């Protein structure tokens, strides 16, 4: 039976199937691009986990501040009083980042949908922005699982267990563990390759291949790019 002729499942079932039965989820998204439940789950989880992780990031910033000052001539040239004001401001901003986590999730979904739409056109697929937008929110559930795992690690290690803000984001296992932290750019690049990001990239491939019926080679290229983009950004901003 063709996917379009099957009964449309609920958005909650599609969200669940994205984790446990991804092929069924992608077939469902092709027939009925639902994303309400996925969005709700991703938003709630992102806010909660970011809130949990934030104290560790703030502590890491405060601990690493002298080292940051030593590496930044502009900061090192400021008086001690001004440096403390700068630190207080940076800590305040870092402490509020969790509020904007849903916006970050929406931006990630938008970028992912646009990337898939581009490869859909390259592969002459029949997907649409709406379908890929829905797929992105459901795939975002994998990132939500990664955020939960990170929050668990932070709670287990405690706020004092992180000496830098970067250490918080690197708490999950990644390919970054294969190179020394002194290789800053490479370490940051490989650090973006976690079990959850690789899992999500595989789902991006499935979205192109099943939702958009894009040829497999093009689908793999598109899915790989969604994994590569965050890694390149991480390397570009690593200091």
Foldseek 3Di string as FASTA:
>chain_A
DQLLPDDQDDPVVLLVCVVVPVLNSLSNLLNPLDAPVLLVLLLVLLLVLLLLLLLLQLQLLVLCLVVVLVVDVVSVPDDPVVNVVVSVVVSVVSNCVSVCRSVVLLVLLQVLLVLLVVLLVVQVFAADSSSSSSLSSSLSVLVSVVSVVLSVQCVVCDSVNHNHSVCSLLSADWQLVVDDCVVPLVSQLRSLGGPSLVSSLVSQLSNSCRSGVGDNVSSNVSSVVSSNVNSNVRSVPTD
